[in-house]
Amino acid sequence: MKIKGKSYRTIWFDNNTVKIIDQTKLPHQFIIKDLKTSKDAINAIKTMEVRGAPLIGATAAYGLVLSIIEKNDLSFLKKTSEDLIASRPTAINLKWAIDRMMKKLLGVNSNEILKIALEEAKAIVEEDVNFCKNIGTNGLKIIEEKAKKKRAR
């Protein structure tokens, strides 16, 4: 989305911080919130500062990245993954993202785990962006066809 001519995504990673657009403030305020810990990510999911399946999944993936930054420890990572899932237990994309991240990270050398986690979280975000673009492109075709049929009546 563009705000005052500048492009934004709903979530991004910058300087060991996850940045989100606080969905609870829209449409009246545009607030960028910093998530610096895994608890911040859990809270953003619980309080609905992030909304929509893809964004919830992306926040969960980045929550594991933040967990590794906080404490590069496998038991802490596993506990964080459980806490993230518990933050919105019915969110399918959340559990899917956590499972995908954990599958990628288990057994990884602790010196490489942050790099791999960050790459995987970014891949999840990019895939979701592309899915949404495809939905929009295909949806536009359907809408245009329906509009043509209506005009032809």
N, C-alpha and C. Protein backbone atom coordinates (compact mmCIF):
# COMPACT_ATOMS: atom_id res chain seq x y z
N MET A 1 0.84 -1.17 0.00
CA MET A 1 0.00 0.00 0.00
C MET A 1 0.89 1.24 0.00
N LYS A 2 0.33 2.31 -0.50
CA LYS A 2 1.07 3.58 -0.51
C LYS A 2 0.42 4.55 0.46
N ILE A 3 1.25 5.16 1.28
CA ILE A 3 0.83 6.20 2.21
C ILE A 3 1.69 7.42 1.92
N LYS A 4 1.03 8.50 1.55
CA LYS A 4 1.73 9.74 1.21
C LYS A 4 2.87 9.48 0.22
N GLY A 5 2.59 8.64 -0.77
CA GLY A 5 3.54 8.36 -1.84
C GLY A 5 4.61 7.32 -1.51
N LYS A 6 4.62 6.81 -0.29
CA LYS A 6 5.62 5.82 0.10
C LYS A 6 4.97 4.44 0.19
N SER A 7 5.64 3.44 -0.38
CA SER A 7 5.12 2.07 -0.35
C SER A 7 5.43 1.40 0.98
N TYR A 8 4.44 0.70 1.50
CA TYR A 8 4.58 -0.05 2.75
C TYR A 8 4.02 -1.45 2.56
N ARG A 9 4.57 -2.37 3.30
CA ARG A 9 3.97 -3.68 3.48
C ARG A 9 3.39 -3.71 4.88
N THR A 10 2.57 -4.70 5.15
CA THR A 10 1.98 -4.77 6.49
C THR A 10 2.96 -5.30 7.52
N ILE A 11 4.05 -5.95 7.05
CA ILE A 11 5.07 -6.48 7.95
C ILE A 11 6.40 -6.48 7.23
N TRP A 12 7.47 -6.15 7.95
CA TRP A 12 8.82 -6.24 7.40
C TRP A 12 9.83 -6.32 8.54
N PHE A 13 11.03 -6.73 8.19
CA PHE A 13 12.10 -6.91 9.17
C PHE A 13 13.17 -5.87 8.89
N ASP A 14 13.58 -5.15 9.95
CA ASP A 14 14.57 -4.10 9.79
C ASP A 14 15.39 -3.98 11.07
N ASN A 15 16.70 -4.22 10.96
CA ASN A 15 17.60 -3.99 12.08
C ASN A 15 17.19 -4.77 13.34
N ASN A 16 17.01 -6.07 13.17
CA ASN A 16 16.62 -6.98 14.27
C ASN A 16 15.28 -6.64 14.91
N THR A 17 14.43 -5.95 14.17
CA THR A 17 13.10 -5.58 14.65
C THR A 17 12.09 -5.91 13.56
N VAL A 18 10.96 -6.47 13.98
CA VAL A 18 9.85 -6.68 13.06
C VAL A 18 8.97 -5.45 13.14
N LYS A 19 8.64 -4.91 11.99
CA LYS A 19 7.79 -3.73 11.92
C LYS A 19 6.44 -4.16 11.36
N ILE A 20 5.38 -3.69 12.02
CA ILE A 20 4.03 -3.98 11.53
C ILE A 20 3.24 -2.68 11.44
N ILE A 21 2.24 -2.69 10.59
CA ILE A 21 1.24 -1.63 10.59
C ILE A 21 0.16 -2.09 11.55
N ASP A 22 -0.06 -1.34 12.60
CA ASP A 22 -1.02 -1.71 13.63
C ASP A 22 -2.43 -1.65 13.05
N GLN A 23 -3.01 -2.84 12.83
CA GLN A 23 -4.32 -2.94 12.21
C GLN A 23 -5.44 -2.41 13.10
N THR A 24 -5.21 -2.33 14.41
CA THR A 24 -6.26 -1.83 15.31
C THR A 24 -6.45 -0.33 15.18
N LYS A 25 -5.50 0.34 14.57
CA LYS A 25 -5.57 1.80 14.45
C LYS A 25 -6.17 2.25 13.12
N LEU A 26 -6.20 1.33 12.14
CA LEU A 26 -6.72 1.67 10.83
C LEU A 26 -8.25 1.77 10.88
N PRO A 27 -8.89 2.58 10.10
CA PRO A 27 -8.35 3.46 9.06
C PRO A 27 -8.04 4.87 9.56
N HIS A 28 -8.25 5.13 10.84
CA HIS A 28 -8.12 6.51 11.34
C HIS A 28 -6.69 6.95 11.61
N GLN A 29 -5.83 5.98 11.94
CA GLN A 29 -4.43 6.30 12.21
C GLN A 29 -3.54 5.30 11.49
N PHE A 30 -2.39 5.76 11.06
CA PHE A 30 -1.39 4.90 10.44
C PHE A 30 -0.22 4.83 11.42
N ILE A 31 -0.13 3.71 12.14
CA ILE A 31 0.89 3.55 13.17
C ILE A 31 1.77 2.35 12.82
N ILE A 32 3.07 2.58 12.78
CA ILE A 32 4.02 1.49 12.60
C ILE A 32 4.50 1.11 14.00
N LYS A 33 4.36 -0.17 14.30
CA LYS A 33 4.73 -0.66 15.63
C LYS A 33 5.95 -1.57 15.50
N ASP A 34 6.87 -1.44 16.43
CA ASP A 34 8.06 -2.30 16.48
C ASP A 34 7.79 -3.51 17.36
N LEU A 35 8.12 -4.68 16.84
CA LEU A 35 8.10 -5.92 17.62
C LEU A 35 9.56 -6.30 17.83
N LYS A 36 10.00 -6.27 19.07
CA LYS A 36 11.41 -6.51 19.37
C LYS A 36 11.66 -7.85 20.03
N THR A 37 10.59 -8.48 20.55
CA THR A 37 10.73 -9.76 21.23
C THR A 37 9.65 -10.72 20.73
N SER A 38 9.85 -11.98 21.02
CA SER A 38 8.83 -12.96 20.65
C SER A 38 7.52 -12.66 21.40
N LYS A 39 7.62 -12.16 22.62
CA LYS A 39 6.40 -11.80 23.37
C LYS A 39 5.65 -10.66 22.67
N ASP A 40 6.38 -9.74 22.05
CA ASP A 40 5.74 -8.67 21.28
C ASP A 40 4.95 -9.27 20.10
N ALA A 41 5.53 -10.26 19.45
CA ALA A 41 4.84 -10.91 18.32
C ALA A 41 3.59 -11.64 18.81
N ILE A 42 3.72 -12.34 19.93
CA ILE A 42 2.57 -13.05 20.51
C ILE A 42 1.47 -12.06 20.85
N ASN A 43 1.83 -10.95 21.45
CA ASN A 43 0.86 -9.94 21.83
C ASN A 43 0.19 -9.32 20.60
N ALA A 44 0.96 -9.07 19.54
CA ALA A 44 0.40 -8.49 18.31
C ALA A 44 -0.65 -9.42 17.71
N ILE A 45 -0.42 -10.72 17.81
CA ILE A 45 -1.39 -11.69 17.31
C ILE A 45 -2.61 -11.73 18.23
N LYS A 46 -2.39 -11.80 19.54
CA LYS A 46 -3.49 -11.88 20.50
C LYS A 46 -4.41 -10.67 20.44
N THR A 47 -3.82 -9.49 20.35
CA THR A 47 -4.61 -8.25 20.40
C THR A 47 -5.10 -7.80 19.04
N MET A 48 -4.84 -8.61 18.03
CA MET A 48 -5.28 -8.35 16.66
C MET A 48 -4.65 -7.10 16.04
N GLU A 49 -3.45 -6.78 16.49
CA GLU A 49 -2.71 -5.71 15.82
C GLU A 49 -2.31 -6.18 14.42
N VAL A 50 -2.26 -7.49 14.24
CA VAL A 50 -2.10 -8.09 12.91
C VAL A 50 -3.36 -8.91 12.65
N ARG A 51 -3.90 -8.74 11.45
CA ARG A 51 -5.17 -9.40 11.10
C ARG A 51 -5.06 -10.01 9.72
N GLY A 52 -5.78 -11.09 9.55
CA GLY A 52 -5.79 -11.79 8.28
C GLY A 52 -4.79 -12.94 8.32
N ALA A 53 -5.21 -14.07 7.76
CA ALA A 53 -4.41 -15.29 7.85
C ALA A 53 -2.96 -15.12 7.40
N PRO A 54 -2.71 -14.54 6.22
CA PRO A 54 -1.30 -14.43 5.79
C PRO A 54 -0.45 -13.60 6.75
N LEU A 55 -0.99 -12.49 7.23
CA LEU A 55 -0.22 -11.61 8.12
C LEU A 55 0.00 -12.27 9.48
N ILE A 56 -0.97 -13.02 9.96
CA ILE A 56 -0.80 -13.73 11.23
C ILE A 56 0.31 -14.78 11.08
N GLY A 57 0.31 -15.52 9.99
CA GLY A 57 1.36 -16.51 9.74
C GLY A 57 2.74 -15.87 9.64
N ALA A 58 2.81 -14.76 8.92
CA ALA A 58 4.09 -14.05 8.78
C ALA A 58 4.59 -13.54 10.13
N THR A 59 3.68 -13.03 10.95
CA THR A 59 4.06 -12.54 12.27
C THR A 59 4.58 -13.68 13.14
N ALA A 60 3.94 -14.83 13.03
CA ALA A 60 4.40 -16.00 13.79
C ALA A 60 5.80 -16.41 13.34
N ALA A 61 6.03 -16.44 12.03
CA ALA A 61 7.36 -16.80 11.50
C ALA A 61 8.41 -15.82 12.01
N TYR A 62 8.11 -14.54 11.94
CA TYR A 62 9.05 -13.54 12.44
C TYR A 62 9.18 -13.61 13.96
N GLY A 63 8.13 -14.06 14.65
CA GLY A 63 8.21 -14.26 16.09
C GLY A 63 9.28 -15.26 16.47
N LEU A 64 9.43 -16.31 15.63
CA LEU A 64 10.50 -17.28 15.87
C LEU A 64 11.87 -16.67 15.59
N VAL A 65 11.95 -15.82 14.60
CA VAL A 65 13.22 -15.10 14.34
C VAL A 65 13.59 -14.28 15.57
N LEU A 66 12.61 -13.56 16.11
CA LEU A 66 12.87 -12.75 17.31
C LEU A 66 13.28 -13.62 18.48
N SER A 67 12.69 -14.80 18.58
CA SER A 67 13.04 -15.75 19.64
C SER A 67 14.52 -16.13 19.55
N ILE A 68 14.99 -16.38 18.35
CA ILE A 68 16.40 -16.75 18.15
C ILE A 68 17.32 -15.57 18.50
N ILE A 69 16.91 -14.38 18.14
CA ILE A 69 17.70 -13.19 18.48
C ILE A 69 17.78 -13.03 20.00
N GLU A 70 16.65 -13.27 20.68
CA GLU A 70 16.61 -13.13 22.14
C GLU A 70 17.52 -14.14 22.83
N LYS A 71 17.40 -15.41 22.39
CA LYS A 71 18.11 -16.48 23.07
C LYS A 71 18.25 -17.64 22.09
N ASN A 72 19.42 -17.81 21.57
CA ASN A 72 19.67 -18.87 20.59
C ASN A 72 19.75 -20.21 21.31
N ASP A 73 18.56 -20.73 21.65
CA ASP A 73 18.46 -21.95 22.45
C ASP A 73 17.25 -22.74 21.94
N LEU A 74 17.46 -24.02 21.64
CA LEU A 74 16.41 -24.85 21.05
C LEU A 74 15.19 -24.97 21.96
N SER A 75 15.39 -25.14 23.26
CA SER A 75 14.22 -25.28 24.15
C SER A 75 13.42 -23.98 24.20
N PHE A 76 14.10 -22.84 24.16
CA PHE A 76 13.41 -21.54 24.13
C PHE A 76 12.63 -21.39 22.82
N LEU A 77 13.22 -21.81 21.73
CA LEU A 77 12.57 -21.75 20.43
C LEU A 77 11.31 -22.62 20.42
N LYS A 78 11.41 -23.83 20.94
CA LYS A 78 10.25 -24.73 21.00
C LYS A 78 9.14 -24.13 21.87
N LYS A 79 9.50 -23.57 23.02
CA LYS A 79 8.52 -22.95 23.91
C LYS A 79 7.86 -21.76 23.22
N THR A 80 8.65 -20.97 22.52
CA THR A 80 8.10 -19.83 21.79
C THR A 80 7.13 -20.30 20.73
N SER A 81 7.47 -21.38 20.02
CA SER A 81 6.57 -21.88 18.99
C SER A 81 5.23 -22.30 19.60
N GLU A 82 5.27 -22.93 20.75
CA GLU A 82 4.03 -23.32 21.44
C GLU A 82 3.23 -22.10 21.88
N ASP A 83 3.92 -21.10 22.40
CA ASP A 83 3.25 -19.87 22.85
C ASP A 83 2.64 -19.12 21.67
N LEU A 84 3.32 -19.11 20.54
CA LEU A 84 2.77 -18.45 19.35
C LEU A 84 1.50 -19.16 18.89
N ILE A 85 1.54 -20.47 18.84
CA ILE A 85 0.34 -21.23 18.42
C ILE A 85 -0.81 -20.97 19.39
N ALA A 86 -0.52 -20.92 20.67
CA ALA A 86 -1.55 -20.68 21.69
C ALA A 86 -2.12 -19.26 21.62
N SER A 87 -1.41 -18.34 21.00
CA SER A 87 -1.88 -16.95 20.94
C SER A 87 -3.15 -16.81 20.10
N ARG A 88 -3.34 -17.68 19.14
CA ARG A 88 -4.58 -17.72 18.35
C ARG A 88 -4.72 -19.14 17.80
N PRO A 89 -5.16 -20.07 18.65
CA PRO A 89 -5.12 -21.49 18.31
C PRO A 89 -5.95 -21.90 17.10
N THR A 90 -6.91 -21.11 16.70
CA THR A 90 -7.73 -21.47 15.54
C THR A 90 -7.16 -20.94 14.22
N ALA A 91 -6.09 -20.19 14.29
CA ALA A 91 -5.50 -19.59 13.08
C ALA A 91 -4.67 -20.63 12.33
N ILE A 92 -5.18 -21.05 11.19
CA ILE A 92 -4.55 -22.11 10.40
C ILE A 92 -3.17 -21.68 9.90
N ASN A 93 -3.07 -20.48 9.36
CA ASN A 93 -1.79 -20.01 8.82
C ASN A 93 -0.72 -19.87 9.91
N LEU A 94 -1.14 -19.55 11.11
CA LEU A 94 -0.20 -19.42 12.22
C LEU A 94 0.47 -20.76 12.48
N LYS A 95 -0.32 -21.80 12.66
CA LYS A 95 0.25 -23.12 12.93
C LYS A 95 1.05 -23.62 11.74
N TRP A 96 0.54 -23.39 10.54
CA TRP A 96 1.26 -23.79 9.33
C TRP A 96 2.64 -23.12 9.26
N ALA A 97 2.69 -21.82 9.53
CA ALA A 97 3.97 -21.10 9.48
C ALA A 97 4.93 -21.59 10.55
N ILE A 98 4.43 -21.81 11.75
CA ILE A 98 5.27 -22.32 12.84
C ILE A 98 5.81 -23.70 12.48
N ASP A 99 4.93 -24.58 12.00
CA ASP A 99 5.38 -25.93 11.63
C ASP A 99 6.43 -25.87 10.52
N ARG A 100 6.22 -25.03 9.55
CA ARG A 100 7.18 -24.89 8.45
C ARG A 100 8.52 -24.37 8.96
N MET A 101 8.48 -23.36 9.81
CA MET A 101 9.71 -22.80 10.35
C MET A 101 10.45 -23.83 11.20
N MET A 102 9.74 -24.51 12.08
CA MET A 102 10.38 -25.48 12.98
C MET A 102 10.97 -26.65 12.20
N LYS A 103 10.28 -27.09 11.17
CA LYS A 103 10.82 -28.18 10.33
C LYS A 103 12.14 -27.74 9.70
N LYS A 104 12.20 -26.49 9.29
CA LYS A 104 13.41 -25.94 8.66
C LYS A 104 14.54 -25.74 9.69
N LEU A 105 14.18 -25.43 10.93
CA LEU A 105 15.18 -25.02 11.92
C LEU A 105 15.70 -26.13 12.82
N LEU A 106 14.90 -27.16 13.03
CA LEU A 106 15.35 -28.25 13.92
C LEU A 106 16.57 -28.93 13.34
N GLY A 107 17.60 -29.08 14.14
CA GLY A 107 18.83 -29.72 13.70
C GLY A 107 19.82 -28.79 13.01
N VAL A 108 19.47 -27.51 12.90
CA VAL A 108 20.38 -26.54 12.26
C VAL A 108 21.42 -26.09 13.27
N ASN A 109 22.64 -25.91 12.81
CA ASN A 109 23.74 -25.40 13.63
C ASN A 109 23.35 -24.04 14.20
N SER A 110 23.60 -23.83 15.49
CA SER A 110 23.20 -22.58 16.13
C SER A 110 23.86 -21.35 15.52
N ASN A 111 25.00 -21.52 14.85
CA ASN A 111 25.66 -20.39 14.19
C ASN A 111 24.91 -19.95 12.94
N GLU A 112 24.13 -20.85 12.35
CA GLU A 112 23.43 -20.56 11.10
C GLU A 112 21.93 -20.37 11.27
N ILE A 113 21.41 -20.66 12.44
CA ILE A 113 19.97 -20.73 12.62
C ILE A 113 19.26 -19.38 12.37
N LEU A 114 19.86 -18.28 12.81
CA LEU A 114 19.23 -16.97 12.60
C LEU A 114 19.12 -16.67 11.11
N LYS A 115 20.18 -16.90 10.38
CA LYS A 115 20.18 -16.63 8.94
C LYS A 115 19.10 -17.46 8.23
N ILE A 116 19.03 -18.74 8.57
CA ILE A 116 18.06 -19.63 7.94
C ILE A 116 16.63 -19.24 8.34
N ALA A 117 16.44 -18.91 9.61
CA ALA A 117 15.11 -18.50 10.08
C ALA A 117 14.64 -17.24 9.38
N LEU A 118 15.53 -16.28 9.26
CA LEU A 118 15.17 -15.03 8.60
C LEU A 118 14.85 -15.25 7.13
N GLU A 119 15.64 -16.07 6.46
CA GLU A 119 15.37 -16.38 5.05
C GLU A 119 14.01 -17.05 4.89
N GLU A 120 13.69 -17.99 5.78
CA GLU A 120 12.42 -18.71 5.69
C GLU A 120 11.24 -17.80 6.00
N ALA A 121 11.37 -16.95 7.00
CA ALA A 121 10.29 -16.00 7.32
C ALA A 121 10.04 -15.06 6.15
N LYS A 122 11.11 -14.56 5.55
CA LYS A 122 10.96 -13.68 4.39
C LYS A 122 10.34 -14.43 3.22
N ALA A 123 10.67 -15.70 3.04
CA ALA A 123 10.08 -16.52 1.97
C ALA A 123 8.58 -16.67 2.19
N ILE A 124 8.18 -16.89 3.43
CA ILE A 124 6.75 -17.00 3.75
C ILE A 124 6.03 -15.71 3.38
N VAL A 125 6.61 -14.58 3.73
CA VAL A 125 6.01 -13.28 3.42
C VAL A 125 5.89 -13.11 1.90
N GLU A 126 6.96 -13.39 1.17
CA GLU A 126 6.94 -13.21 -0.29
C GLU A 126 5.92 -14.12 -0.96
N GLU A 127 5.82 -15.37 -0.48
CA GLU A 127 4.83 -16.29 -1.04
C GLU A 127 3.43 -15.75 -0.83
N ASP A 128 3.16 -15.24 0.37
CA ASP A 128 1.83 -14.69 0.65
C ASP A 128 1.54 -13.46 -0.20
N VAL A 129 2.53 -12.61 -0.40
CA VAL A 129 2.35 -11.44 -1.26
C VAL A 129 1.97 -11.90 -2.67
N ASN A 130 2.67 -12.90 -3.18
CA ASN A 130 2.37 -13.42 -4.52
C ASN A 130 1.00 -14.08 -4.58
N PHE A 131 0.62 -14.81 -3.54
CA PHE A 131 -0.72 -15.41 -3.50
C PHE A 131 -1.78 -14.31 -3.58
N CYS A 132 -1.60 -13.26 -2.81
CA CYS A 132 -2.57 -12.16 -2.79
C CYS A 132 -2.64 -11.45 -4.14
N LYS A 133 -1.49 -11.25 -4.77
CA LYS A 133 -1.48 -10.65 -6.11
C LYS A 133 -2.25 -11.52 -7.10
N ASN A 134 -2.03 -12.82 -7.03
CA ASN A 134 -2.73 -13.73 -7.93
C ASN A 134 -4.24 -13.73 -7.68
N ILE A 135 -4.63 -13.67 -6.42
CA ILE A 135 -6.06 -13.58 -6.11
C ILE A 135 -6.64 -12.31 -6.72
N GLY A 136 -5.93 -11.21 -6.58
CA GLY A 136 -6.40 -9.94 -7.15
C GLY A 136 -6.49 -9.99 -8.67
N THR A 137 -5.47 -10.55 -9.30
CA THR A 137 -5.45 -10.64 -10.76
C THR A 137 -6.60 -11.51 -11.26
N ASN A 138 -6.76 -12.67 -10.67
CA ASN A 138 -7.84 -13.57 -11.08
C ASN A 138 -9.21 -13.03 -10.71
N GLY A 139 -9.30 -12.41 -9.56
CA GLY A 139 -10.56 -11.81 -9.13
C GLY A 139 -10.99 -10.68 -10.06
N LEU A 140 -10.04 -9.89 -10.52
CA LEU A 140 -10.34 -8.80 -11.44
C LEU A 140 -10.98 -9.33 -12.72
N LYS A 141 -10.45 -10.42 -13.24
CA LYS A 141 -11.02 -11.02 -14.46
C LYS A 141 -12.48 -11.42 -14.23
N ILE A 142 -12.76 -12.03 -13.10
CA ILE A 142 -14.13 -12.45 -12.79
C ILE A 142 -15.05 -11.24 -12.67
N ILE A 143 -14.59 -10.21 -11.99
CA ILE A 143 -15.39 -8.99 -11.81
C ILE A 143 -15.65 -8.33 -13.16
N GLU A 144 -14.62 -8.25 -13.99
CA GLU A 144 -14.80 -7.64 -15.32
C GLU A 144 -15.80 -8.42 -16.16
N GLU A 145 -15.74 -9.75 -16.12
CA GLU A 145 -16.68 -10.58 -16.87
C GLU A 145 -18.11 -10.36 -16.37
N LYS A 146 -18.30 -10.30 -15.07
CA LYS A 146 -19.63 -10.08 -14.50
C LYS A 146 -20.15 -8.69 -14.88
N ALA A 147 -19.28 -7.70 -14.87
CA ALA A 147 -19.68 -6.34 -15.23
C ALA A 147 -20.09 -6.27 -16.71
N LYS A 148 -19.39 -6.96 -17.58
CA LYS A 148 -19.74 -6.98 -19.01
C LYS A 148 -21.11 -7.60 -19.21
N LYS A 149 -21.39 -8.69 -18.50
CA LYS A 149 -22.68 -9.37 -18.60
C LYS A 149 -23.81 -8.46 -18.12
N LYS A 150 -23.55 -7.71 -17.04
CA LYS A 150 -24.56 -6.80 -16.51
C LYS A 150 -24.86 -5.68 -17.50
N ARG A 151 -23.81 -5.15 -18.14
CA ARG A 151 -23.98 -4.06 -19.11
C ARG A 151 -24.72 -4.55 -20.35
N ALA A 152 -24.52 -5.81 -20.69
CA ALA A 152 -25.14 -6.36 -21.89
C ALA A 152 -26.65 -6.57 -21.72
N ARG A 153 -27.15 -6.59 -20.53
CA ARG A 153 -28.58 -6.82 -20.29
C ARG A 153 -29.40 -5.69 -20.74
